[in-house]
Protein backbone atom coordinates (compact mmCIF):
# COMPACT_ATOMS: atom_id res chain seq x y z
CA MET A 1 -76.85 -84.45 0.60
CA ALA A 2 -77.99 -84.50 -3.06
CA THR A 3 -79.63 -87.55 -4.40
CA ASN A 4 -76.95 -88.05 -6.99
CA PRO A 5 -74.06 -85.83 -6.22
CA PRO A 6 -71.59 -85.21 -9.01
CA THR A 7 -68.01 -86.36 -8.83
CA ASN A 8 -65.37 -84.47 -10.88
CA VAL A 9 -63.13 -87.33 -12.16
CA GLN A 10 -59.61 -86.49 -13.47
CA PHE A 11 -58.07 -89.46 -15.10
CA THR A 12 -54.33 -89.44 -16.22
CA ASN A 13 -53.12 -92.31 -18.19
CA SER A 14 -49.34 -92.61 -18.47
CA SER A 15 -49.27 -96.39 -18.82
CA GLY A 16 -48.36 -96.51 -22.41
CA GLU A 17 -51.56 -98.33 -23.10
CA ILE A 18 -54.99 -96.81 -24.45
CA LEU A 19 -57.89 -97.73 -22.10
CA TYR A 20 -61.22 -98.83 -23.61
CA LEU A 21 -64.35 -98.80 -21.68
CA ASN A 22 -65.75 -102.35 -21.10
CA ALA A 23 -68.29 -102.09 -18.34
CA VAL A 24 -70.08 -99.47 -16.09
CA ASN A 25 -71.80 -100.36 -12.87
CA ILE A 26 -73.74 -97.46 -11.42
CA TRP A 27 -75.16 -98.58 -8.03
CA VAL A 28 -76.45 -95.19 -7.11
CA GLY A 29 -77.02 -92.54 -9.85
CA PRO A 30 -78.60 -92.06 -13.21
CA PRO A 31 -77.91 -95.02 -15.66
CA GLN A 32 -77.20 -92.65 -18.69
CA SER A 33 -74.12 -91.04 -17.02
CA TYR A 34 -71.32 -90.10 -19.35
CA ILE A 35 -68.14 -92.19 -19.04
CA PRO A 36 -65.39 -91.79 -21.75
CA LEU A 37 -65.31 -94.74 -24.20
CA LYS A 38 -61.52 -94.38 -24.49
CA ILE A 39 -58.77 -92.85 -22.35
CA PRO A 40 -55.68 -92.17 -24.44
CA VAL A 41 -52.09 -91.91 -23.11
CA GLY A 42 -51.34 -88.39 -22.32
CA PRO A 43 -53.29 -85.38 -21.08
CA THR A 44 -55.73 -85.70 -18.19
CA VAL A 45 -59.25 -86.65 -19.28
CA GLY A 46 -61.92 -84.87 -17.04
CA VAL A 47 -65.54 -85.70 -16.74
CA THR A 48 -68.27 -84.83 -14.18
CA GLN A 49 -69.97 -88.12 -13.26
CA GLN A 50 -73.49 -87.76 -11.71
CA GLY A 51 -73.49 -91.23 -10.01
CA SER A 52 -72.56 -91.32 -6.33
CA VAL A 53 -71.68 -95.14 -6.17
CA VAL A 54 -70.05 -96.13 -9.38
CA GLY A 55 -67.69 -98.76 -10.67
CA ILE A 56 -66.10 -98.82 -14.21
CA GLU A 57 -64.00 -101.33 -16.11
CA TYR A 58 -61.39 -100.42 -18.79
CA LYS A 59 -59.72 -102.99 -20.87
CA PHE A 60 -56.03 -102.54 -22.16
CA LYS A 61 -53.07 -104.57 -23.50
CA ASP A 62 -54.35 -108.08 -24.49
CA ASN A 63 -57.54 -107.92 -22.32
CA TYR A 64 -56.20 -106.82 -19.01
CA SER A 65 -58.78 -104.96 -16.86
CA LEU A 66 -58.54 -101.81 -14.75
CA ILE A 67 -61.40 -101.35 -12.31
CA VAL A 68 -61.93 -98.00 -10.62
CA ALA A 69 -64.84 -97.46 -8.10
CA TRP A 70 -65.90 -94.69 -5.89
CA ILE A 71 -68.43 -93.58 -3.36
CA ASN A 72 -69.40 -89.92 -3.21
CA ASN A 73 -71.89 -89.58 -0.44
CA GLY A 74 -70.83 -86.09 0.67
CA VAL A 75 -69.86 -87.35 4.01
CA SER A 76 -67.08 -89.98 3.71
CA ASN A 77 -65.99 -90.28 0.13
CA LYS A 78 -64.10 -93.34 -0.83
CA VAL A 79 -62.17 -94.93 -3.77
CA TYR A 80 -60.93 -98.39 -4.80
CA ALA A 81 -58.93 -99.87 -7.72
CA GLN A 82 -58.10 -103.32 -9.02
CA ILE A 83 -56.10 -104.61 -11.99
CA LEU A 84 -56.95 -108.03 -13.33
CA PRO A 85 -54.86 -110.20 -15.60
CA ALA A 86 -55.78 -111.27 -19.12
CA GLY A 87 -55.54 -114.71 -20.68
CA THR A 88 -57.07 -118.13 -20.25
CA GLY A 89 -58.46 -118.55 -16.75
CA SER A 90 -58.24 -114.87 -15.94
CA GLN A 91 -60.57 -113.46 -13.43
CA SER A 92 -63.81 -111.82 -14.39
CA VAL A 93 -64.97 -108.61 -12.42
CA GLN A 94 -66.86 -109.54 -9.33
CA TRP A 95 -68.94 -106.37 -8.99
CA ALA A 96 -70.53 -107.27 -5.55
CA ARG A 97 -66.92 -107.70 -4.23
CA ILE A 98 -65.79 -104.43 -5.73
CA LYS A 99 -68.68 -102.58 -3.98
CA GLU A 100 -67.83 -104.19 -0.70
CA SER A 101 -64.14 -103.17 -1.15
CA VAL A 102 -64.90 -99.62 -1.89
CA GLU A 103 -67.22 -99.40 1.04
CA LYS A 104 -64.41 -100.50 3.32
CA SER A 105 -61.74 -98.29 1.66
CA GLY A 106 -60.70 -94.80 2.38
CA ASN A 107 -60.22 -91.65 0.41
CA SER A 108 -57.16 -92.88 -1.20
CA PHE A 109 -56.06 -96.17 -2.79
CA ASP A 110 -52.98 -97.51 -4.47
CA THR A 111 -52.78 -100.94 -6.24
CA ALA A 112 -49.03 -100.84 -6.13
CA ASN A 113 -47.42 -103.11 -8.74
CA LEU A 114 -50.08 -105.50 -10.23
CA TYR A 115 -48.94 -107.20 -13.48
CA GLY A 116 -46.52 -104.39 -14.14
CA TYR A 117 -49.08 -101.63 -13.76
CA ARG A 118 -50.21 -99.22 -10.98
CA CYS A 119 -53.38 -97.23 -10.31
CA ALA A 120 -53.40 -94.56 -7.63
CA LEU A 121 -56.60 -92.88 -6.58
CA VAL A 122 -57.47 -90.06 -4.12
CA ILE A 123 -60.87 -88.43 -3.72
CA ASP A 124 -61.61 -85.25 -1.52
CA THR A 125 -62.55 -86.64 1.89
CA VAL A 126 -65.81 -84.81 2.35
CA GLY A 127 -67.94 -82.41 0.25
CA PRO A 128 -70.89 -82.69 -2.17
CA THR A 129 -68.78 -82.25 -5.42
CA PRO A 130 -65.51 -83.91 -4.81
CA THR A 131 -62.59 -84.31 -7.23
CA LEU A 132 -61.32 -87.80 -7.76
CA GLY A 133 -57.78 -88.01 -9.20
CA ALA A 134 -56.86 -91.21 -10.88
CA THR A 135 -53.42 -92.03 -12.25
CA PHE A 136 -52.68 -95.20 -14.09
CA SER A 137 -49.08 -95.95 -15.01
CA GLN A 138 -46.53 -98.65 -15.58
CA ALA A 139 -45.25 -99.76 -12.22
CA THR A 140 -41.63 -98.97 -11.41
């Protein structure tokens, strides 16, 4: 297994909302990894991310948060997502819990309908350079 195996992230945003990068938490990997600052609505945005244990937070629509996390260890790759509400008293990202959740997750995850949005993730089960497909949309 490589020290920091790359992950091919393919992110499709069909939510009707532009996503703006708010935070990056790279538990394992180089700290200067490239994460897009903005994910527009429309075509898939692709990036090769060098971190093997990563969590990212994007803000959208009046300060809602979309959190996507993954583990790429080449043996048992895993993904996790969460959508947090905006507004007074809204939750902040609990990165330690996010890491625990992704460690307990599997190679696919679906938030189902959270606050009118949905995030579905799937990552290749094994392999040193997996593809992670992420789709963020309005829940139906």
